[in-house]
Amino acid sequence: MSDQNPQAGLDSSAAAGSPSPASLQRKGAEGAEPGATRVLAEQFRPEIVALRRALHQVPEYDLDLPKSQALVLEALVGLDLEITLGKELSSVTAVLRGTAPTDGVRPVVLLRGDMDALPVTERTDVPFKSQHPGMMHACGHDLHVAGLFGAAKILHALRDQLAGDVVFMFQPGEETSGGAPIMIREGVLDAAGRRADYAYGLHVGSAGQPFGMWSSKPGSFMAAADQLHVRVVGAGTHGSTPYRGKDPIPVACELVTALQMMITRQFDVFDPVVLTVGRIAGGTKENIIPDDAFFDATVRTFSEQTRAKVQRTSTQLVESIAAAHGLTAEVDYQIGYPVTVNNPDEHGFARDTIVDLFGPDRFRERPNPRCGAEDFSYVLNEIPGVYLNLSACAGPDPDAAADNHSPLANFDDTVVPDGSALLAELAVRRLSRGA
């Protein structure tokens, strides 16, 4: 698809035609026929895209997103939802009650979209570019929010077919301090009155995959992300007489190299570890040996066993090498987001649903997990579900396009209704099967 018109073959309204009331009725154990959610997504396309572009102009950072929250609440006006606002963050939790009868326990599906932006100065030329200097929706979370809103609109239209309830989780703080665990603490998983049975989310990309392509994998899908902070403590002196002090700078440099050697010699290549030192600092002038030196690293792992081992071995290595030089090292190993693990059954269910809705050419199985981290992992630690990627690449060559987090990242929002349709279809099908 990369050498074709990005929208070629994706106009579902032309393929599906105008919906009749009968076409929107539930069919069989799989719920509504696959075309119903796509037809409704096309019907709501103008509202979905308008919300995305409004959000793109007011990017906000971390947990306090008052303008974004206000836009979400305004968009949800007129829908029969039970809405709760966050106390520690600008979250929105909305519960839709299905009205179809059921003989057993009413199942609950949770759908999530993150809301926050990044401290990036936008360099795209879109007419709806950021109006907040130094802030940009460079990771596509504005598309996530709009897609989740579209799913709410679709499912509201189909609520007489839903033999269960849907929780819509509009979440701040994915890029920073982790809004998901705060929302969990404030009760999002139990917002419908009982614990959600299944959870689904998606993330758009601006590069790397052809426009409109879905992808995911079962099991470990995204990495755990931890931080290693080290202070090497020595003793300062004049640069001309290093023997009169304890120079922390060469020891810090040795530690950076030793950590890379540790990864290659103490860890299984098939359970990988990525350790990157992104900051190293020490000293004030070329002829002064400082008292201390610092470095900070990000650590990415894909299993809890390896994660624990990295924490233990890196701390031992840093402290031991510093001691061998007669210095000390202060190690602060901070645990971040856990591994994002897709339930194998839910991955298969989502893959089959994508194929039904969009055709087999629109899904790719990822052979390897991704080294990025995601706080939807906290939700998937509690509830079986799946996290999916959807390409919103705006350029003809995905490999040459600017990636997420770039000031040039450009997302084609014509694909957002597809995200809405899939989230809605997953909920329809899951609720039709019961808890």
Protein backbone atom coordinates (compact mmCIF):
# COMPACT_ATOMS: atom_id res chain seq x y z
CA MET A 1 0.00 0.00 0.00
CA SER A 2 2.95 2.34 0.45
CA ASP A 3 3.14 3.26 -3.24
CA GLN A 4 -0.59 3.83 -3.60
CA ASN A 5 -3.08 6.49 -2.55
CA PRO A 6 -3.24 6.06 1.24
CA GLN A 7 -7.03 6.04 1.17
CA ALA A 8 -7.37 3.52 -1.64
CA GLY A 9 -9.62 0.65 -0.64
CA LEU A 10 -10.45 2.15 2.77
CA ASP A 11 -13.72 3.97 2.00
CA SER A 12 -16.14 1.65 3.77
CA SER A 13 -19.16 3.89 3.15
CA ALA A 14 -18.91 3.35 -0.60
CA ALA A 15 -18.55 -0.42 -0.18
CA ALA A 16 -21.23 -0.82 2.44
CA GLY A 17 -23.92 1.43 1.01
CA SER A 18 -26.63 3.10 3.07
CA PRO A 19 -27.59 1.11 6.16
CA SER A 20 -31.12 -0.12 6.64
CA PRO A 21 -32.53 -0.68 10.14
CA ALA A 22 -32.34 -4.42 9.58
CA SER A 23 -28.65 -4.20 8.70
CA LEU A 24 -27.87 -2.87 12.16
CA GLN A 25 -29.50 -5.74 14.04
CA ARG A 26 -27.51 -8.38 15.89
CA LYS A 27 -26.81 -11.53 13.90
CA GLY A 28 -25.88 -14.81 15.56
CA ALA A 29 -23.44 -15.42 18.39
CA GLU A 30 -20.87 -13.00 16.98
CA GLY A 31 -23.10 -9.93 17.52
CA ALA A 32 -23.78 -7.26 14.91
CA GLU A 33 -22.81 -8.05 11.36
CA PRO A 34 -19.27 -6.83 10.62
CA GLY A 35 -20.47 -4.00 8.38
CA ALA A 36 -22.66 -2.30 10.98
CA THR A 37 -19.93 -0.71 13.04
CA ARG A 38 -18.08 0.47 9.93
CA VAL A 39 -21.24 1.99 8.47
CA LEU A 40 -21.86 3.88 11.70
CA ALA A 41 -18.21 4.94 11.86
CA GLU A 42 -18.59 6.52 8.42
CA GLN A 43 -21.79 8.20 9.54
CA PHE A 44 -19.97 9.76 12.49
CA ARG A 45 -16.76 10.50 10.58
CA PRO A 46 -17.15 14.31 10.53
CA GLU A 47 -17.56 14.48 14.32
CA ILE A 48 -14.70 12.06 14.95
CA VAL A 49 -12.23 13.93 12.76
CA ALA A 50 -13.39 17.33 14.07
CA LEU A 51 -12.69 16.24 17.64
CA ARG A 52 -9.23 14.98 16.69
CA ARG A 53 -8.33 18.31 15.08
CA ALA A 54 -9.69 20.34 17.98
CA LEU A 55 -7.62 18.27 20.41
CA HIS A 56 -4.53 18.61 18.23
CA GLN A 57 -4.64 22.38 18.65
CA VAL A 58 -4.63 22.28 22.47
CA PRO A 59 -2.03 19.65 23.45
CA GLU A 60 -1.57 19.30 27.21
CA TYR A 61 1.02 17.48 29.27
CA ASP A 62 1.00 14.90 32.06
CA LEU A 63 -2.03 14.53 34.35
CA ASP A 64 -3.67 17.97 34.22
CA LEU A 65 -5.47 18.32 30.88
CA PRO A 66 -8.40 20.71 31.49
CA LYS A 67 -8.95 21.77 27.86
CA SER A 68 -8.74 18.21 26.57
CA GLN A 69 -11.13 17.00 29.27
CA ALA A 70 -13.57 19.79 28.39
CA LEU A 71 -13.52 18.84 24.69
CA VAL A 72 -14.21 15.20 25.54
CA LEU A 73 -17.10 16.10 27.82
CA GLU A 74 -18.56 18.42 25.19
CA ALA A 75 -18.34 15.66 22.57
CA LEU A 76 -20.14 13.17 24.82
CA VAL A 77 -23.11 15.48 25.42
CA GLY A 78 -26.33 13.81 24.26
CA LEU A 79 -25.11 10.25 24.88
CA ASP A 80 -26.76 8.26 27.65
CA LEU A 81 -23.60 7.68 29.70
CA GLU A 82 -22.68 7.58 33.37
CA ILE A 83 -19.71 9.94 33.59
CA THR A 84 -17.14 10.19 36.38
CA LEU A 85 -14.24 12.64 36.46
CA GLY A 86 -10.88 11.86 37.99
CA LYS A 87 -9.82 13.31 41.32
CA GLU A 88 -6.03 13.17 40.94
CA LEU A 89 -6.00 13.72 37.18
CA SER A 90 -8.17 15.09 34.35
CA SER A 91 -9.59 11.72 33.38
CA VAL A 92 -13.06 10.92 32.06
CA THR A 93 -14.70 7.56 32.76
CA ALA A 94 -17.96 6.93 30.92
CA VAL A 95 -20.18 3.86 31.32
CA LEU A 96 -22.67 2.81 28.65
CA ARG A 97 -25.38 0.41 29.79
CA GLY A 98 -26.47 -2.02 27.11
CA THR A 99 -30.20 -2.60 27.03
CA ALA A 100 -30.40 -6.06 25.46
CA PRO A 101 -31.78 -8.71 27.85
CA THR A 102 -29.54 -11.45 29.23
CA ASP A 103 -30.15 -14.41 31.51
CA GLY A 104 -26.77 -14.39 33.25
CA VAL A 105 -24.21 -11.95 34.59
CA ARG A 106 -23.91 -8.90 32.38
CA PRO A 107 -20.35 -8.82 30.97
CA VAL A 108 -18.28 -5.64 30.93
CA VAL A 109 -15.81 -4.51 28.26
CA LEU A 110 -13.33 -1.66 28.85
CA LEU A 111 -12.05 0.46 25.97
CA ARG A 112 -9.18 2.89 26.52
CA GLY A 113 -7.78 6.00 24.85
CA ASP A 114 -4.92 8.09 26.27
CA MET A 115 -5.15 11.88 26.11
CA ASP A 116 -1.80 13.55 26.87
CA ALA A 117 0.70 15.23 24.56
CA LEU A 118 4.46 15.84 24.60
CA PRO A 119 6.82 18.79 25.24
CA VAL A 120 7.70 19.03 21.53
CA THR A 121 7.55 22.10 19.30
CA GLU A 122 5.44 21.15 16.28
CA ARG A 123 7.04 21.59 12.85
CA THR A 124 4.26 20.26 10.63
CA ASP A 125 2.29 22.56 8.34
CA VAL A 126 -1.20 21.21 9.05
CA PRO A 127 -3.84 23.97 9.34
CA PHE A 128 -4.89 22.72 12.79
CA LYS A 129 -1.38 22.68 14.31
CA SER A 130 -0.68 23.19 18.00
CA GLN A 131 -1.67 26.51 19.54
CA HIS A 132 0.28 25.72 22.74
CA PRO A 133 3.95 26.73 22.25
CA GLY A 134 6.36 23.92 22.99
CA MET A 135 3.62 21.28 23.13
CA MET A 136 2.47 18.83 20.45
CA HIS A 137 0.37 15.72 20.02
CA ALA A 138 3.47 14.07 18.58
CA CYS A 139 2.43 10.55 19.64
CA GLY A 140 -1.08 10.57 18.19
CA HIS A 141 -3.04 10.48 21.42
CA ASP A 142 -5.48 12.98 19.91
CA LEU A 143 -6.38 10.26 17.41
CA HIS A 144 -6.83 7.78 20.27
CA VAL A 145 -9.29 10.06 22.06
CA ALA A 146 -11.24 10.74 18.89
CA GLY A 147 -11.31 7.03 18.09
CA LEU A 148 -12.64 6.19 21.54
CA PHE A 149 -15.29 8.90 21.23
CA GLY A 150 -16.32 7.39 17.90
CA ALA A 151 -16.63 3.97 19.53
CA ALA A 152 -18.89 5.51 22.19
CA LYS A 153 -21.11 7.02 19.48
CA ILE A 154 -21.33 3.71 17.61
CA LEU A 155 -22.07 1.62 20.69
CA HIS A 156 -24.64 4.12 21.90
CA ALA A 157 -26.44 3.66 18.59
CA LEU A 158 -26.27 -0.13 19.07
CA ARG A 159 -27.04 -0.21 22.80
CA ASP A 160 -30.27 -2.17 22.34
CA GLN A 161 -28.07 -5.00 21.02
CA LEU A 162 -25.59 -4.96 23.92
CA ALA A 163 -26.23 -7.61 26.56
CA GLY A 164 -23.66 -5.98 28.83
CA ASP A 165 -21.89 -2.72 29.62
CA VAL A 166 -18.96 -0.76 28.20
CA VAL A 167 -16.48 1.40 30.12
CA PHE A 168 -14.75 4.17 28.15
CA MET A 169 -11.43 5.08 29.76
CA PHE A 170 -10.18 8.53 28.66
CA GLN A 171 -6.76 8.60 30.36
CA PRO A 172 -4.17 11.36 30.93
CA GLY A 173 -0.52 10.86 31.78
CA GLU A 174 0.60 7.93 29.62
CA GLU A 175 3.80 9.69 28.56
CA THR A 176 4.90 10.68 32.05
CA SER A 177 3.90 9.49 35.50
CA GLY A 178 1.43 6.80 34.51
CA GLY A 179 -2.21 7.81 34.50
CA ALA A 180 -3.46 4.24 34.17
CA PRO A 181 -2.52 3.09 37.71
CA ILE A 182 -4.09 6.26 39.13
CA MET A 183 -7.35 5.60 37.26
CA ILE A 184 -7.23 1.99 38.44
CA ARG A 185 -6.82 3.21 41.99
CA GLU A 186 -9.79 5.53 41.49
CA GLY A 187 -11.95 2.62 40.31
CA VAL A 188 -12.03 2.65 36.49
CA LEU A 189 -11.90 -1.15 36.24
CA ASP A 190 -15.01 -1.43 38.43
CA ALA A 191 -16.85 1.61 37.06
CA ALA A 192 -19.72 -0.49 35.71
CA GLY A 193 -20.40 -1.97 39.17
CA ARG A 194 -18.34 -5.09 38.63
CA ARG A 195 -14.83 -5.78 37.39
CA ALA A 196 -14.43 -5.48 33.62
CA ASP A 197 -14.04 -8.83 31.88
CA TYR A 198 -12.02 -7.69 28.85
CA ALA A 199 -9.95 -4.64 27.89
CA TYR A 200 -8.92 -3.30 24.49
CA GLY A 201 -6.79 -0.37 23.33
CA LEU A 202 -4.93 0.82 20.28
CA HIS A 203 -2.00 3.04 19.39
CA VAL A 204 -1.48 4.84 16.10
CA GLY A 205 1.85 5.24 14.36
CA SER A 206 3.12 7.86 11.92
CA ALA A 207 5.81 5.66 10.35
CA GLY A 208 7.01 2.11 9.84
CA GLN A 209 3.81 0.52 8.51
CA PRO A 210 1.65 1.24 5.46
CA PHE A 211 -1.35 3.47 6.08
CA GLY A 212 -4.31 1.58 7.55
CA MET A 213 -2.30 -1.49 8.58
CA TRP A 214 -3.15 -3.15 11.90
CA SER A 215 -0.50 -5.11 13.79
CA SER A 216 0.05 -6.85 17.10
CA LYS A 217 1.33 -10.10 18.60
CA PRO A 218 0.35 -12.44 21.42
CA GLY A 219 2.27 -12.48 24.70
CA SER A 220 4.89 -9.82 25.44
CA PHE A 221 4.11 -6.99 23.04
CA MET A 222 5.83 -3.96 24.56
CA ALA A 223 8.70 -3.64 26.99
CA ALA A 224 8.95 -2.84 30.65
CA ALA A 225 10.71 0.50 31.09
CA ASP A 226 12.87 1.15 34.15
CA GLN A 227 15.44 3.83 34.97
CA LEU A 228 18.96 3.43 36.32
CA HIS A 229 20.43 6.53 38.01
CA VAL A 230 24.04 6.39 39.20
CA ARG A 231 26.18 8.84 41.14
CA VAL A 232 29.88 7.93 41.27
CA VAL A 233 31.36 9.53 44.38
CA GLY A 234 35.06 10.41 44.38
CA ALA A 235 37.21 13.22 45.72
CA GLY A 236 38.02 16.37 43.79
CA THR A 237 41.47 17.81 43.21
CA HIS A 238 43.55 19.67 40.63
CA GLY A 239 43.60 18.11 37.17
CA SER A 240 47.41 18.11 37.15
CA THR A 241 47.65 15.86 40.22
CA PRO A 242 44.95 13.18 39.87
CA TYR A 243 46.72 10.92 42.37
CA ARG A 244 45.81 13.38 45.14
CA GLY A 245 42.07 12.76 44.62
CA LYS A 246 39.69 10.07 43.41
CA ASP A 247 38.59 10.80 39.85
CA PRO A 248 34.95 9.73 39.27
CA ILE A 249 34.86 10.49 35.55
CA PRO A 250 36.94 7.57 34.16
CA VAL A 251 35.14 5.25 36.57
CA ALA A 252 31.77 6.46 35.28
CA CYS A 253 32.98 5.86 31.72
CA GLU A 254 34.14 2.36 32.63
CA LEU A 255 30.76 1.64 34.20
CA VAL A 256 28.91 2.62 31.02
CA THR A 257 31.01 0.17 29.02
CA ALA A 258 30.79 -2.54 31.66
CA LEU A 259 26.99 -2.35 31.69
CA GLN A 260 26.92 -3.04 27.95
CA MET A 261 29.25 -6.01 28.45
CA MET A 262 26.98 -7.26 31.22
CA ILE A 263 24.01 -7.29 28.84
CA THR A 264 25.83 -9.33 26.19
CA ARG A 265 27.36 -11.86 28.57
CA GLN A 266 24.83 -12.38 31.35
CA PHE A 267 21.49 -12.32 29.52
CA ASP A 268 19.83 -14.65 27.04
CA VAL A 269 19.72 -13.08 23.60
CA PHE A 270 16.24 -14.58 23.14
CA ASP A 271 14.95 -12.73 26.22
CA PRO A 272 16.49 -9.41 25.27
CA VAL A 273 17.55 -6.42 27.31
CA VAL A 274 18.15 -2.90 26.01
CA LEU A 275 20.16 -0.63 28.30
CA THR A 276 20.87 2.85 26.96
CA VAL A 277 22.77 5.54 28.84
CA GLY A 278 21.14 8.75 27.69
CA ARG A 279 22.87 11.19 30.02
CA ILE A 280 26.34 11.43 31.52
CA ALA A 281 27.67 14.45 33.37
CA GLY A 282 30.48 15.53 35.68
CA GLY A 283 32.81 18.40 36.35
CA THR A 284 32.86 22.12 35.64
CA LYS A 285 36.24 22.81 34.01
CA GLU A 286 38.92 20.88 32.16
CA ASN A 287 41.57 21.18 34.88
CA ILE A 288 39.36 20.32 37.86
CA ILE A 289 38.69 16.74 38.94
CA PRO A 290 35.17 16.84 40.40
CA ASP A 291 33.86 15.18 43.53
CA ASP A 292 31.29 13.17 41.59
CA ALA A 293 29.93 12.16 38.20
CA PHE A 294 26.49 11.03 37.11
CA PHE A 295 24.80 8.97 34.45
CA ASP A 296 21.22 7.94 33.73
CA ALA A 297 20.01 4.98 31.69
CA THR A 298 16.76 3.53 30.44
CA VAL A 299 16.37 -0.25 30.77
CA ARG A 300 13.93 -2.20 28.57
CA THR A 301 13.03 -5.84 29.26
CA PHE A 302 10.35 -8.29 28.15
CA SER A 303 9.90 -10.64 31.11
CA GLU A 304 9.61 -10.11 34.83
CA GLN A 305 12.40 -12.61 35.51
CA THR A 306 14.89 -10.74 33.34
CA ARG A 307 13.67 -7.41 34.70
CA ALA A 308 14.47 -8.48 38.27
CA LYS A 309 17.85 -9.87 37.21
CA VAL A 310 18.86 -6.62 35.49
CA GLN A 311 18.06 -4.64 38.62
CA ARG A 312 20.14 -6.98 40.77
CA THR A 313 23.15 -7.43 38.50
CA SER A 314 23.46 -3.82 37.36
CA THR A 315 23.46 -2.61 40.94
CA GLN A 316 26.10 -5.17 41.94
CA LEU A 317 28.28 -4.36 38.95
CA VAL A 318 28.21 -0.59 39.48
CA GLU A 319 28.94 -0.80 43.19
CA SER A 320 31.72 -3.38 42.75
CA ILE A 321 33.62 -1.56 39.98
CA ALA A 322 33.44 1.72 41.86
CA ALA A 323 34.78 -0.02 44.98
CA ALA A 324 37.61 -1.60 42.99
CA HIS A 325 38.83 1.93 42.20
CA GLY A 326 38.45 3.08 45.78
CA LEU A 327 35.28 5.06 45.07
CA THR A 328 31.66 4.52 45.97
CA ALA A 329 28.55 4.47 43.81
CA GLU A 330 25.04 5.46 44.74
CA VAL A 331 22.55 3.50 42.65
CA ASP A 332 18.90 4.41 42.29
CA TYR A 333 17.05 1.79 40.22
CA GLN A 334 13.51 2.99 39.57
CA ILE A 335 10.80 0.59 38.45
CA GLY A 336 8.66 1.98 35.65
CA TYR A 337 5.91 0.58 33.43
CA PRO A 338 5.64 -3.23 33.36
CA VAL A 339 5.70 -5.42 30.27
CA THR A 340 2.60 -5.05 28.09
CA VAL A 341 1.32 -8.61 27.68
CA ASN A 342 -1.42 -9.48 25.21
CA ASN A 343 -3.63 -12.38 26.22
CA PRO A 344 -3.15 -15.00 23.46
CA ASP A 345 -6.87 -15.77 23.19
CA GLU A 346 -7.80 -12.08 23.04
CA HIS A 347 -5.09 -11.46 20.46
CA GLY A 348 -6.57 -14.18 18.25
CA PHE A 349 -10.06 -12.77 18.77
CA ALA A 350 -8.92 -9.24 17.82
CA ARG A 351 -6.98 -10.50 14.78
CA ASP A 352 -10.01 -12.42 13.50
CA THR A 353 -12.24 -9.39 14.07
CA ILE A 354 -9.88 -7.16 12.08
CA VAL A 355 -9.83 -9.66 9.23
CA ASP A 356 -13.64 -9.83 9.24
CA LEU A 357 -14.01 -6.04 9.27
CA PHE A 358 -11.20 -4.94 6.97
CA GLY A 359 -9.88 -8.02 5.17
CA PRO A 360 -6.73 -10.16 5.63
CA ASP A 361 -4.47 -7.61 3.93
CA ARG A 362 -5.04 -5.10 6.72
CA PHE A 363 -3.39 -7.14 9.51
CA ARG A 364 0.25 -8.06 10.12
CA GLU A 365 1.48 -10.30 12.90
CA ARG A 366 4.52 -8.69 14.51
CA PRO A 367 7.34 -11.24 14.81
CA ASN A 368 8.97 -9.43 17.73
CA PRO A 369 7.84 -7.24 20.62
CA ARG A 370 8.39 -3.49 20.60
CA CYS A 371 10.91 -1.78 22.88
CA GLY A 372 8.57 1.09 23.63
CA ALA A 373 6.62 0.98 26.89
CA GLU A 374 2.95 1.59 27.60
CA ASP A 375 0.97 2.06 30.81
CA PHE A 376 -2.00 0.15 29.39
CA SER A 377 0.16 -2.69 30.72
CA TYR A 378 -1.29 -2.00 34.17
CA VAL A 379 -4.79 -2.67 32.83
CA LEU A 380 -3.72 -5.85 31.04
CA ASN A 381 -2.11 -7.06 34.27
CA GLU A 382 -5.60 -7.02 35.80
CA ILE A 383 -7.88 -7.92 32.89
CA PRO A 384 -7.38 -10.13 29.82
CA GLY A 385 -7.21 -8.08 26.67
CA VAL A 386 -5.09 -6.91 23.80
CA TYR A 387 -3.23 -3.82 22.64
CA LEU A 388 -3.07 -3.11 18.91
CA ASN A 389 -1.18 -0.81 16.56
CA LEU A 390 -2.80 1.05 13.67
CA SER A 391 -0.78 2.94 11.06
CA ALA A 392 -1.87 6.52 10.43
CA CYS A 393 1.18 7.24 8.27
CA ALA A 394 0.43 10.32 6.15
CA GLY A 395 3.28 9.86 3.67
CA PRO A 396 3.74 7.51 0.73
CA ASP A 397 6.86 5.87 2.23
CA PRO A 398 6.41 4.65 5.82
CA ASP A 399 10.14 3.99 6.19
CA ALA A 400 10.98 7.60 5.34
CA ALA A 401 8.20 9.19 7.41
CA ALA A 402 8.90 10.97 10.71
CA ASP A 403 8.15 8.67 13.62
CA ASN A 404 6.09 9.22 16.76
CA HIS A 405 7.60 11.82 19.13
CA SER A 406 9.18 13.73 16.24
CA PRO A 407 8.21 17.41 15.75
CA LEU A 408 7.50 16.40 12.14
CA ALA A 409 5.26 13.44 13.00
CA ASN A 410 2.21 13.65 10.76
CA PHE A 411 -0.86 11.46 11.33
CA ASP A 412 -3.54 10.94 8.69
CA ASP A 413 -6.77 11.13 10.67
CA THR A 414 -8.90 9.67 7.89
CA VAL A 415 -8.10 6.28 9.46
CA VAL A 416 -9.52 7.18 12.88
CA PRO A 417 -13.08 5.96 12.12
CA ASP A 418 -11.57 2.54 11.44
CA GLY A 419 -10.20 2.60 14.98
CA SER A 420 -13.65 3.53 16.26
CA ALA A 421 -15.26 0.73 14.28
CA LEU A 422 -12.85 -1.89 15.56
CA LEU A 423 -13.13 -0.89 19.21
CA ALA A 424 -16.91 -0.94 18.90
CA GLU A 425 -16.93 -4.27 17.08
CA LEU A 426 -14.71 -5.88 19.71
CA ALA A 427 -17.15 -4.76 22.39
CA VAL A 428 -20.21 -5.94 20.45
CA ARG A 429 -18.76 -9.38 19.82
CA ARG A 430 -17.39 -9.86 23.32
CA LEU A 431 -20.61 -8.80 25.02
CA SER A 432 -22.62 -11.16 22.83
CA ARG A 433 -20.61 -14.09 24.20
CA GLY A 434 -21.28 -13.31 27.85
CA ALA A 435 -18.95 -12.96 30.83
